[in-house]
Amino acid sequence: MPAPAADPWQHRIDAALGMAQRGALAEAAAALAALCGERPRNALPHILLATVRHRLGEHDEALRELDAAASLSPGDPQVPAMRPRLLLAAGRAVDAEAAARRVLASAPDDPHAQFDLACALQAQQRWDESGAACAALLERHPGHVAARHLLSRSLLMRGDADGALAQARHPALLDDPATAFAVAADFGARDAQAQRAALLCALAARHPQDYACAIASADALLAANRAGEALAQAQRAGSLRPQASRPRQLRAAALIERGDTQPGLALFRGLFEQGGLDAADAQKYLIALHYDSEQQPQPMYAAHAAWAARHAQPFAPPFVAQPETERKLRVGWLSPRFNEGPVARFLTGTLRAFDREHYHHLLLELHGLRDACTDAFEAISDETVALHGLDDETLLARLRGLRLDVLVDLAGHAPFGRPRVLAQRVAPVQLSWLDWFDTTGLPNMDGWIGDRWLNPPDSPQRFSETVLRLGGGRFCYTPPDHAPQPQREGGGAPVLVSFNRTAKLNDRVIDAWARILAAVPDARLLLGDRAFDD
């Protein structure tokens, strides 16, 4: 008996689906659009085309195809089931919530609709309701990894980092490393470093032969001030990939963090000289060099120049200053740390004292971490520009678009600084100050603001910039508004205090302290550092 003839229509549907599965989405969309035209009363190609449009990011077009399918086949359950996800993708969270609730009205236990509802609530930042929706779904489907991720995020956004961690450590989520890494990123974004480290350590224990898990846990432990454990995890990652440079870099950082500075620097130096560090890790090496009491000026300068030569090559057209009509000079202050810390203590009073009649001061925020100091900064500046999370090309375009006259970089090679962008030049005058303490090595950095004490004229320290010495000192300390007036309480022995990093406590420093303590026999020395939590 002869085989039944193949259905050409179904064959073309299958061919379009095959294109989509291979990633040829534009071709699949064209094929399905042709099928919609040929059979205008058939809902199926519209439903499939809506899915493909959604994957292409054409969300409004996807919704139009879904509306067409709904008009052709009002009873097809696929149409209302798809609508919440498409609405969410189009940024219409309120409409997505309503669509999900309509599905749940007729199918209260539909897990897809429950999840869509939780996503829509979370998109509206209704964290309590989103968490409740996820919890209801997880009661019936405890292995629903995406819902557990959403529940963890909802708890985290409500300020319950420990509750979020408890959800994230569920076996189903730990069995899905990609989702676990996404949850860890949530913890990192909220500066919940202890919970991030705990989650990634649990993940590494669950997958003992997984290099990515081991290296991520080492990095998280280091950020959580647990250098000893970070060192062990970095060594384990190195045993899994002996040729990889990242485990050696983390070992170096962990050794330095716990005060084993010379062995850590030796590891770092080898990686730097071999070109085994990316730009950010090479900047960590530049910082660590300053913990070496034997370091000489010429090798220090050479390391900064080598970083610039390797990582700050031109990637954009040359800067061209735009002629301006008479106006206030625009001064940009660029930093990732407009919150409590050195920038707040040394810039606040300075910024208040500047002439506002002739100058327009812009705070250029590289990071979104905020606190009360951020609000205070914004209140005393003329303009605040958020530049969070931008790649180098986008950041360069934004900075050049501000038409600055002077750019004062407050970060240099410190964490989250953007020297590669400043090397392209974003203003006619570029200066380095405050949170960096050495040359940047950048050819387009014009001046480095110092003073005669930090940078005496006969100092052997070298700079690629012109050193500009302030007569009154490089820094002007501004105490917090809530700080009490300084006063000596009691008549006891003096207490000498250092809250510097343990990595800076080399033999020369300790010898100097010993001489001071010997000269003041009743004095006490108090040390404080996050490394002592380890």
Protein backbone atom coordinates (compact mmCIF):
# COMPACT_ATOMS: atom_id res chain seq x y z
CA MET A 1 0.00 0.00 0.00
CA PRO A 2 1.58 3.33 -1.01
CA ALA A 3 2.56 5.79 1.75
CA PRO A 4 0.25 8.77 2.09
CA ALA A 5 1.44 11.87 0.28
CA ALA A 6 3.31 14.34 2.46
CA ASP A 7 1.38 17.48 3.38
CA PRO A 8 3.22 20.41 1.70
CA TRP A 9 1.75 22.87 4.21
CA GLN A 10 3.01 20.89 7.20
CA HIS A 11 6.35 20.42 5.48
CA ARG A 12 6.74 24.20 5.17
CA ILE A 13 5.70 24.70 8.81
CA ASP A 14 8.33 22.14 9.86
CA ALA A 15 10.94 23.83 7.65
CA ALA A 16 10.25 27.22 9.28
CA LEU A 17 10.52 25.66 12.74
CA GLY A 18 13.82 24.08 11.72
CA MET A 19 15.15 27.48 10.69
CA ALA A 20 14.17 28.92 14.09
CA GLN A 21 15.82 26.04 15.94
CA ARG A 22 19.05 26.62 14.00
CA GLY A 23 18.97 30.30 14.94
CA ALA A 24 18.00 31.55 11.48
CA LEU A 25 15.24 33.67 12.99
CA ALA A 26 14.90 36.27 10.23
CA GLU A 27 14.50 33.53 7.61
CA ALA A 28 11.98 31.69 9.81
CA ALA A 29 9.99 34.91 10.27
CA ALA A 30 9.90 35.50 6.51
CA ALA A 31 8.74 31.93 5.85
CA LEU A 32 5.99 32.11 8.49
CA ALA A 33 4.83 35.53 7.25
CA ALA A 34 4.42 34.01 3.78
CA LEU A 35 2.35 31.18 5.24
CA CYS A 36 0.15 33.69 7.08
CA GLY A 37 -0.55 35.39 3.76
CA GLU A 38 -1.36 32.15 2.00
CA ARG A 39 -3.83 30.91 4.62
CA PRO A 40 -5.18 34.08 6.25
CA ARG A 41 -7.78 32.13 8.27
CA ASN A 42 -5.27 29.80 9.93
CA ALA A 43 -4.09 30.84 13.43
CA LEU A 44 -1.09 28.50 13.71
CA PRO A 45 1.43 30.45 11.59
CA HIS A 46 0.51 33.64 13.46
CA ILE A 47 1.21 31.91 16.80
CA LEU A 48 4.53 30.60 15.56
CA LEU A 49 5.42 33.94 14.02
CA ALA A 50 4.65 35.66 17.34
CA THR A 51 7.17 33.34 19.03
CA VAL A 52 9.86 34.07 16.43
CA ARG A 53 9.23 37.83 16.56
CA HIS A 54 9.56 37.62 20.34
CA ARG A 55 12.95 35.89 20.01
CA LEU A 56 14.04 38.58 17.54
CA GLY A 57 13.18 41.26 20.11
CA GLU A 58 10.33 42.59 17.95
CA HIS A 59 7.88 42.58 20.84
CA ASP A 60 5.18 44.88 19.47
CA GLU A 61 5.11 42.91 16.21
CA ALA A 62 4.88 39.68 18.23
CA LEU A 63 1.85 41.00 20.09
CA ARG A 64 0.18 41.98 16.81
CA GLU A 65 0.62 38.42 15.52
CA LEU A 66 -0.83 37.09 18.76
CA ASP A 67 -3.84 39.40 18.42
CA ALA A 68 -4.35 38.08 14.88
CA ALA A 69 -4.25 34.49 16.17
CA ALA A 70 -6.74 35.36 18.93
CA SER A 71 -9.21 36.77 16.41
CA LEU A 72 -8.89 33.66 14.22
CA SER A 73 -9.02 31.10 17.03
CA PRO A 74 -10.59 32.64 20.16
CA GLY A 75 -10.63 29.35 22.05
CA ASP A 76 -7.00 28.38 21.45
CA PRO A 77 -5.38 28.21 24.95
CA GLN A 78 -1.91 28.92 23.52
CA VAL A 79 -2.83 32.54 22.85
CA PRO A 80 -3.68 33.71 26.40
CA ALA A 81 -0.82 31.57 27.76
CA MET A 82 1.73 33.42 25.61
CA ARG A 83 0.40 36.92 26.16
CA PRO A 84 1.88 37.67 29.64
CA ARG A 85 5.41 36.81 28.51
CA LEU A 86 5.15 38.92 25.37
CA LEU A 87 3.74 41.86 27.34
CA LEU A 88 6.57 41.58 29.86
CA ALA A 89 9.14 41.57 27.07
CA ALA A 90 7.50 44.70 25.66
CA GLY A 91 7.90 46.42 29.05
CA ARG A 92 4.18 46.39 29.84
CA ALA A 93 4.30 44.83 33.30
CA VAL A 94 0.85 46.03 34.42
CA ASP A 95 -0.79 44.56 31.33
CA ALA A 96 1.22 41.36 31.79
CA GLU A 97 -0.06 41.05 35.36
CA ALA A 98 -3.66 41.42 34.17
CA ALA A 99 -3.12 38.84 31.41
CA ALA A 100 -1.60 36.33 33.84
CA ARG A 101 -4.48 36.80 36.29
CA ARG A 102 -6.97 36.12 33.50
CA VAL A 103 -5.28 32.79 32.79
CA LEU A 104 -5.24 31.92 36.49
CA ALA A 105 -8.94 32.74 36.83
CA SER A 106 -9.74 29.70 34.68
CA ALA A 107 -6.66 27.59 35.58
CA PRO A 108 -5.58 28.51 39.14
CA ASP A 109 -2.78 25.94 39.25
CA ASP A 110 -1.22 26.70 35.88
CA PRO A 111 2.52 26.92 36.73
CA HIS A 112 3.37 29.01 33.68
CA ALA A 113 0.75 31.63 34.50
CA GLN A 114 1.83 31.65 38.18
CA PHE A 115 5.41 32.29 37.11
CA ASP A 116 4.36 34.99 34.64
CA LEU A 117 2.41 36.69 37.42
CA ALA A 118 5.44 36.60 39.73
CA CYS A 119 7.61 38.11 36.97
CA ALA A 120 5.07 40.86 36.29
CA LEU A 121 4.86 41.75 39.98
CA GLN A 122 8.63 41.79 40.31
CA ALA A 123 8.93 44.05 37.25
CA GLN A 124 6.72 46.51 39.18
CA GLN A 125 8.98 46.15 42.24
CA ARG A 126 6.13 44.72 44.29
CA TRP A 127 8.54 42.46 46.11
CA ASP A 128 6.18 41.07 48.78
CA GLU A 129 3.55 40.04 46.24
CA SER A 130 6.13 38.67 43.83
CA GLY A 131 7.66 36.59 46.61
CA ALA A 132 4.25 35.28 47.64
CA ALA A 133 3.47 34.29 44.04
CA CYS A 134 6.79 32.43 43.79
CA ALA A 135 6.24 30.69 47.13
CA ALA A 136 2.79 29.51 46.01
CA LEU A 137 4.27 28.10 42.81
CA LEU A 138 7.12 26.39 44.67
CA GLU A 139 4.71 24.63 47.03
CA ARG A 140 3.50 22.55 44.08
CA HIS A 141 6.69 22.63 42.02
CA PRO A 142 9.70 22.81 44.39
CA GLY A 143 12.10 22.12 41.53
CA HIS A 144 11.04 25.22 39.57
CA VAL A 145 14.49 26.85 39.43
CA ALA A 146 13.46 30.14 37.82
CA ALA A 147 10.75 30.68 40.46
CA ARG A 148 13.28 30.03 43.22
CA HIS A 149 15.58 32.60 41.64
CA LEU A 150 12.75 35.12 41.61
CA LEU A 151 11.86 34.36 45.23
CA SER A 152 15.50 34.83 46.25
CA ARG A 153 15.64 38.16 44.43
CA SER A 154 12.37 39.34 45.99
CA LEU A 155 13.67 38.54 49.49
CA LEU A 156 16.97 40.24 48.74
CA MET A 157 15.25 43.40 47.52
CA ARG A 158 13.20 43.44 50.73
CA GLY A 159 16.46 43.45 52.69
CA ASP A 160 16.37 39.79 53.74
CA ALA A 161 19.72 38.60 52.34
CA ASP A 162 19.83 35.54 54.62
CA GLY A 163 16.34 34.48 53.53
CA ALA A 164 17.40 34.94 49.93
CA LEU A 165 20.44 32.74 50.55
CA ALA A 166 18.29 30.02 52.11
CA GLN A 167 16.21 29.86 48.92
CA ALA A 168 19.26 29.96 46.67
CA ARG A 169 20.87 26.99 48.43
CA HIS A 170 18.02 24.69 47.46
CA PRO A 171 19.43 21.56 45.73
CA ALA A 172 17.44 22.22 42.56
CA LEU A 173 19.06 25.62 42.13
CA LEU A 174 22.54 24.36 43.03
CA ASP A 175 22.13 21.74 40.32
CA ASP A 176 21.77 24.58 37.80
CA PRO A 177 25.10 26.51 37.92
CA ALA A 178 24.00 29.14 35.38
CA THR A 179 21.07 30.18 37.58
CA ALA A 180 23.21 30.00 40.72
CA PHE A 181 25.71 32.38 39.12
CA ALA A 182 22.83 34.75 38.27
CA VAL A 183 21.67 34.70 41.91
CA ALA A 184 25.26 35.32 43.05
CA ALA A 185 25.33 38.36 40.76
CA ASP A 186 22.17 39.62 42.49
CA PHE A 187 23.95 39.33 45.84
CA GLY A 188 26.98 41.15 44.46
CA ALA A 189 24.84 43.98 43.09
CA ARG A 190 23.34 44.49 46.57
CA ASP A 191 26.80 44.25 48.22
CA ALA A 192 25.71 41.11 50.11
CA GLN A 193 29.21 39.67 49.87
CA ALA A 194 28.89 37.17 52.73
CA GLN A 195 25.79 35.62 51.17
CA ARG A 196 27.38 35.63 47.71
CA ALA A 197 30.38 33.76 49.06
CA ALA A 198 28.23 31.25 50.95
CA LEU A 199 26.17 30.48 47.84
CA LEU A 200 29.19 30.05 45.58
CA CYS A 201 30.97 27.86 48.14
CA ALA A 202 27.89 25.64 48.28
CA LEU A 203 27.89 25.53 44.48
CA ALA A 204 31.59 24.58 44.39
CA ALA A 205 30.96 21.80 46.91
CA ARG A 206 28.09 20.53 44.77
CA HIS A 207 30.30 20.51 41.64
CA PRO A 208 33.81 19.70 42.91
CA GLN A 209 35.27 19.16 39.41
CA ASP A 210 33.82 22.35 37.91
CA TYR A 211 36.54 24.95 37.35
CA ALA A 212 34.10 27.85 36.94
CA CYS A 213 32.49 27.09 40.31
CA ALA A 214 35.85 26.87 42.06
CA ILE A 215 37.16 30.12 40.60
CA ALA A 216 33.90 31.98 41.32
CA SER A 217 33.93 30.83 44.95
CA ALA A 218 37.56 31.94 45.35
CA ASP A 219 36.71 35.39 43.98
CA ALA A 220 33.66 35.69 46.25
CA LEU A 221 35.57 34.60 49.35
CA LEU A 222 38.20 37.23 48.64
CA ALA A 223 35.52 39.92 48.32
CA ALA A 224 34.00 38.71 51.61
CA ASN A 225 37.32 39.16 53.47
CA ARG A 226 37.94 35.42 53.81
CA ALA A 227 41.39 35.36 52.24
CA GLY A 228 42.48 32.05 53.77
CA GLU A 229 39.53 30.18 52.28
CA ALA A 230 39.92 32.09 49.02
CA LEU A 231 43.51 30.89 48.79
CA ALA A 232 42.42 27.26 49.21
CA GLN A 233 39.72 27.57 46.54
CA ALA A 234 42.11 29.29 44.14
CA GLN A 235 44.59 26.46 44.61
CA ARG A 236 41.84 23.93 43.90
CA ALA A 237 40.85 25.82 40.74
CA GLY A 238 44.50 25.80 39.71
CA SER A 239 44.64 22.03 40.11
CA LEU A 240 41.66 21.73 37.75
CA ARG A 241 43.28 24.00 35.13
CA PRO A 242 47.04 24.15 35.75
CA GLN A 243 47.70 26.46 32.79
CA ALA A 244 45.05 29.04 33.67
CA SER A 245 46.25 32.43 34.93
CA ARG A 246 43.14 33.39 36.90
CA PRO A 247 43.78 30.97 39.82
CA ARG A 248 47.32 32.33 40.17
CA GLN A 249 46.03 35.89 40.16
CA LEU A 250 43.52 35.09 42.91
CA ARG A 251 46.19 33.28 44.89
CA ALA A 252 48.35 36.39 44.63
CA ALA A 253 45.51 38.66 45.78
CA ALA A 254 44.64 36.33 48.68
CA LEU A 255 48.26 36.16 49.85
CA ILE A 256 48.54 39.96 49.78
CA GLU A 257 45.19 40.39 51.55
CA ARG A 258 46.34 38.26 54.48
CA GLY A 259 49.70 40.03 54.74
CA ASP A 260 51.94 37.62 52.78
CA THR A 261 52.80 40.53 50.52
CA GLN A 262 56.12 39.48 48.97
CA PRO A 263 55.00 35.98 47.82
CA GLY A 264 51.78 37.51 46.46
CA LEU A 265 53.67 40.21 44.58
CA ALA A 266 56.05 37.65 43.10
CA LEU A 267 53.07 35.72 41.67
CA PHE A 268 51.46 38.92 40.40
CA ARG A 269 54.69 40.16 38.84
CA GLY A 270 55.16 37.00 36.81
CA LEU A 271 51.62 37.20 35.44
CA PHE A 272 51.96 40.91 34.64
CA GLU A 273 55.25 40.52 32.80
CA GLN A 274 53.91 37.54 30.83
CA GLY A 275 50.81 39.50 29.79
CA GLY A 276 48.64 37.02 31.70
CA LEU A 277 46.44 39.67 33.34
CA ASP A 278 43.52 41.50 31.82
CA ALA A 279 43.27 45.27 32.27
CA ALA A 280 41.36 45.17 35.58
CA ASP A 281 43.60 42.53 37.17
CA ALA A 282 46.71 44.35 35.97
CA GLN A 283 45.39 47.43 37.81
CA LYS A 284 45.19 45.36 40.99
CA TYR A 285 48.86 44.60 40.49
CA LEU A 286 49.64 48.32 40.18
CA ILE A 287 47.91 48.91 43.52
CA ALA A 288 49.71 45.99 45.17
CA LEU A 289 53.11 47.32 44.06
CA HIS A 290 52.68 50.15 46.56
CA TYR A 291 52.72 47.65 49.45
CA ASP A 292 56.33 46.74 48.65
CA SER A 293 58.64 48.77 50.87
CA GLU A 294 61.59 47.90 48.60
CA GLN A 295 59.93 49.15 45.41
CA GLN A 296 62.00 51.67 43.44
CA PRO A 297 60.59 54.65 41.48
CA GLN A 298 61.77 53.63 38.02
CA PRO A 299 60.25 50.09 38.01
CA MET A 300 57.06 51.56 39.50
CA TYR A 301 56.79 54.11 36.70
CA ALA A 302 57.63 51.46 34.10
CA ALA A 303 54.78 49.24 35.33
CA HIS A 304 52.25 52.06 34.96
CA ALA A 305 53.58 52.95 31.51
CA ALA A 306 53.41 49.28 30.50
CA TRP A 307 49.76 49.11 31.57
CA ALA A 308 48.95 52.14 29.42
CA ALA A 309 50.87 50.78 26.43
CA ARG A 310 49.09 47.43 26.66
CA HIS A 311 45.56 48.40 27.67
CA ALA A 312 44.99 52.06 26.71
CA GLN A 313 45.47 51.98 22.95
CA PRO A 314 43.24 54.29 20.86
CA PHE A 315 39.83 52.88 19.99
CA ALA A 316 38.04 56.07 18.92
CA PRO A 317 38.62 59.14 16.73
CA PRO A 318 40.87 61.81 18.26
CA PHE A 319 39.21 64.28 20.60
CA VAL A 320 38.24 67.59 19.03
CA ALA A 321 37.37 70.49 21.34
CA GLN A 322 34.14 72.22 20.37
CA PRO A 323 34.24 76.04 20.30
CA GLU A 324 31.78 77.48 22.78
CA THR A 325 30.14 80.84 23.18
CA GLU A 326 30.80 82.59 26.46
CA ARG A 327 29.42 80.43 29.27
CA LYS A 328 30.34 78.95 32.61
CA LEU A 329 33.27 76.54 32.47
CA ARG A 330 32.04 72.97 32.85
CA VAL A 331 34.05 70.90 35.36
CA GLY A 332 33.33 67.17 35.59
CA TRP A 333 34.26 65.11 38.66
CA LEU A 334 34.46 61.43 37.68
CA SER A 335 34.27 58.70 40.34
CA PRO A 336 32.66 55.34 41.16
CA ARG A 337 32.60 56.28 44.86
CA PHE A 338 30.28 59.18 45.56
CA ASN A 339 29.36 57.55 48.87
CA GLU A 340 30.86 57.22 52.35
CA GLY A 341 34.64 56.96 52.10
CA PRO A 342 37.70 58.97 51.08
CA VAL A 343 35.96 60.81 48.23
CA ALA A 344 33.25 62.07 50.58
CA ARG A 345 35.76 63.05 53.25
CA PHE A 346 38.05 65.01 50.91
CA LEU A 347 35.79 66.32 48.13
CA THR A 348 32.70 67.54 50.00
CA GLY A 349 34.23 70.63 51.57
CA THR A 350 36.29 71.36 48.47
CA LEU A 351 33.23 71.25 46.22
CA ARG A 352 31.29 73.57 48.53
CA ALA A 353 34.09 76.15 48.36
CA PHE A 354 34.25 76.44 44.56
CA ASP A 355 33.12 79.49 42.66
CA ARG A 356 29.63 78.85 41.30
CA GLU A 357 29.30 82.07 39.32
CA HIS A 358 31.82 81.08 36.68
CA TYR A 359 31.91 77.28 36.97
CA HIS A 360 29.33 74.54 36.50
CA HIS A 361 30.22 71.40 38.48
CA LEU A 362 29.03 67.98 37.30
CA LEU A 363 29.24 64.79 39.35
CA LEU A 364 29.88 61.93 36.93
CA GLU A 365 28.78 58.74 38.72
CA LEU A 366 30.42 55.53 37.47
CA HIS A 367 28.70 53.29 40.03
CA GLY A 368 25.18 53.08 41.37
CA LEU A 369 26.00 52.34 45.02
CA ARG A 370 24.27 55.06 47.03
CA ASP A 371 24.04 56.20 50.63
CA ALA A 372 23.44 59.44 52.53
CA CYS A 373 26.72 60.87 51.24
CA THR A 374 25.51 60.45 47.66
CA ASP A 375 22.47 62.61 48.42
CA ALA A 376 24.69 65.22 50.07
CA PHE A 377 27.00 65.28 47.04
CA GLU A 378 24.11 65.76 44.64
CA ALA A 379 22.75 68.60 46.76
CA ILE A 380 25.97 70.62 46.48
CA SER A 381 26.74 69.93 42.81
CA ASP A 382 25.17 71.73 39.88
CA GLU A 383 24.38 68.56 37.93
CA THR A 384 24.60 64.79 38.40
CA VAL A 385 25.10 62.41 35.48
CA ALA A 386 24.59 58.66 36.02
CA LEU A 387 27.03 56.63 33.92
CA HIS A 388 26.50 53.23 35.53
CA GLY A 389 27.39 50.01 33.73
CA LEU A 390 28.41 51.51 30.38
CA ASP A 391 30.93 49.86 28.09
CA ASP A 392 34.01 51.86 27.09
CA GLU A 393 32.65 53.06 23.75
CA THR A 394 29.32 54.20 25.20
CA LEU A 395 30.96 55.89 28.19
CA LEU A 396 33.37 57.73 25.91
CA ALA A 397 30.51 59.01 23.75
CA ARG A 398 28.52 60.14 26.82
CA LEU A 399 31.49 61.94 28.38
CA ARG A 400 32.43 63.70 25.16
CA GLY A 401 28.80 64.67 24.68
CA LEU A 402 28.84 66.59 27.99
CA ARG A 403 31.20 69.15 26.41
CA LEU A 404 33.37 69.41 29.50
CA ASP A 405 36.14 72.00 29.82
CA VAL A 406 37.93 70.19 32.64
CA LEU A 407 37.69 66.54 33.70
CA VAL A 408 38.99 65.65 37.18
CA ASP A 409 39.42 61.89 37.51
CA LEU A 410 39.09 60.80 41.14
CA ALA A 411 39.77 57.07 40.60
CA GLY A 412 42.81 56.45 38.41
CA HIS A 413 43.60 52.73 38.52
CA ALA A 414 41.55 52.14 41.69
CA PRO A 415 38.65 49.67 41.41
CA PHE A 416 35.98 50.69 38.86
CA GLY A 417 38.08 53.53 37.47
CA ARG A 418 37.99 53.97 33.69
CA PRO A 419 41.48 55.01 32.58
CA ARG A 420 41.14 53.29 29.20
CA VAL A 421 38.34 55.72 28.34
CA LEU A 422 40.22 58.77 29.63
CA ALA A 423 43.21 57.75 27.51
CA GLN A 424 41.07 58.68 24.48
CA ARG A 425 40.57 62.16 25.99
CA VAL A 426 37.11 63.50 26.88
CA ALA A 427 37.97 67.12 27.76
CA PRO A 428 40.58 69.73 26.77
CA VAL A 429 42.10 69.49 30.27
CA GLN A 430 42.25 66.22 32.23
CA LEU A 431 43.55 66.03 35.80
CA SER A 432 44.15 63.16 38.24
CA TRP A 433 43.41 63.67 41.94
CA LEU A 434 42.26 62.26 45.25
CA ASP A 435 41.71 58.49 45.15
CA TRP A 436 44.84 57.63 43.15
CA PHE A 437 48.31 58.17 44.52
CA ASP A 438 50.70 57.67 41.61
CA THR A 439 51.02 58.39 37.93
CA THR A 440 48.28 57.01 35.72
CA GLY A 441 50.78 56.47 32.90
CA LEU A 442 48.20 57.81 30.43
CA PRO A 443 49.45 60.05 27.64
CA ASN A 444 46.26 62.15 27.68
CA MET A 445 46.24 62.87 31.42
CA ASP A 446 47.56 66.43 31.63
CA GLY A 447 48.08 67.07 35.33
CA TRP A 448 48.46 65.24 38.64
CA ILE A 449 47.45 67.24 41.70
CA GLY A 450 49.88 66.85 44.60
CA ASP A 451 51.73 69.00 47.12
CA ARG A 452 55.26 69.68 48.30
CA TRP A 453 55.02 67.10 51.09
CA LEU A 454 53.73 64.17 49.07
CA ASN A 455 55.69 65.14 45.94
CA PRO A 456 58.66 67.30 46.89
CA PRO A 457 60.46 68.82 43.91
CA ASP A 458 63.50 66.55 44.47
CA SER A 459 61.42 63.36 44.75
CA PRO A 460 62.59 60.48 42.53
CA GLN A 461 58.96 59.50 41.88
CA ARG A 462 58.14 59.79 38.16
CA PHE A 463 54.92 60.98 36.51
CA SER A 464 53.71 61.02 32.92
CA GLU A 465 51.57 64.01 33.96
CA THR A 466 52.69 67.49 34.97
CA VAL A 467 52.72 67.56 38.78
CA LEU A 468 50.65 70.48 40.09
CA ARG A 469 51.52 71.20 43.73
CA LEU A 470 48.82 72.79 45.88
CA GLY A 471 50.32 75.20 48.37
CA GLY A 472 48.04 74.23 51.22
CA GLY A 473 48.20 70.48 50.77
CA ARG A 474 46.67 67.91 48.44
CA PHE A 475 43.75 67.12 50.74
CA CYS A 476 41.31 69.11 52.84
CA TYR A 477 39.53 66.83 55.29
CA THR A 478 35.80 67.37 55.80
CA PRO A 479 34.42 65.47 58.82
CA PRO A 480 30.94 63.92 58.57
CA ASP A 481 28.11 66.15 59.72
CA HIS A 482 27.35 63.76 62.58
CA ALA A 483 30.97 63.65 63.84
CA PRO A 484 31.49 65.05 67.36
CA GLN A 485 34.06 67.74 68.06
CA PRO A 486 37.49 66.20 68.69
CA GLN A 487 38.43 66.03 72.32
CA ARG A 488 40.60 63.96 74.64
CA GLU A 489 38.51 61.88 77.04
CA GLY A 490 40.00 60.64 80.25
CA GLY A 491 43.59 60.81 81.39
CA GLY A 492 44.78 57.35 80.47
CA ALA A 493 47.64 56.25 78.27
CA PRO A 494 47.60 57.40 74.65
CA VAL A 495 46.18 54.97 72.09
CA LEU A 496 47.91 54.87 68.70
CA VAL A 497 45.68 53.58 65.95
CA SER A 498 46.12 52.24 62.40
CA PHE A 499 43.19 50.98 60.34
CA ASN A 500 45.30 50.35 57.25
CA ARG A 501 45.29 47.10 55.29
CA THR A 502 47.40 44.30 56.71
CA ALA A 503 49.24 44.16 53.38
CA LYS A 504 50.82 47.53 54.22
CA LEU A 505 52.28 46.34 57.52
CA ASN A 506 55.76 45.51 56.29
CA ASP A 507 58.90 45.22 58.43
CA ARG A 508 59.81 48.88 58.05
CA VAL A 509 56.38 50.00 59.29
CA ILE A 510 56.52 47.62 62.25
CA ASP A 511 60.05 48.76 63.13
CA ALA A 512 58.89 52.40 63.10
CA TRP A 513 55.95 51.58 65.36
CA ALA A 514 58.26 49.69 67.69
CA ARG A 515 60.47 52.77 68.06
CA ILE A 516 57.43 54.94 68.79
CA LEU A 517 56.09 52.53 71.39
CA ALA A 518 59.52 52.27 73.00
CA ALA A 519 59.64 56.07 73.23
CA VAL A 520 56.15 56.22 74.80
CA PRO A 521 56.17 53.17 77.10
CA ASP A 522 52.61 53.56 78.38
CA ALA A 523 51.07 53.86 74.87
CA ARG A 524 48.89 51.16 73.33
CA LEU A 525 48.72 50.25 69.65
CA LEU A 526 45.30 49.40 68.20
CA LEU A 527 45.13 47.80 64.73
CA GLY A 528 41.99 47.38 62.64
CA ASP A 529 41.54 45.74 59.25
CA ARG A 530 38.91 43.62 57.57
CA ALA A 531 41.53 40.87 57.19
CA PHE A 532 41.31 40.33 60.95
CA ASP A 533 37.81 38.95 60.39
CA ASP A 534 39.45 35.96 58.67
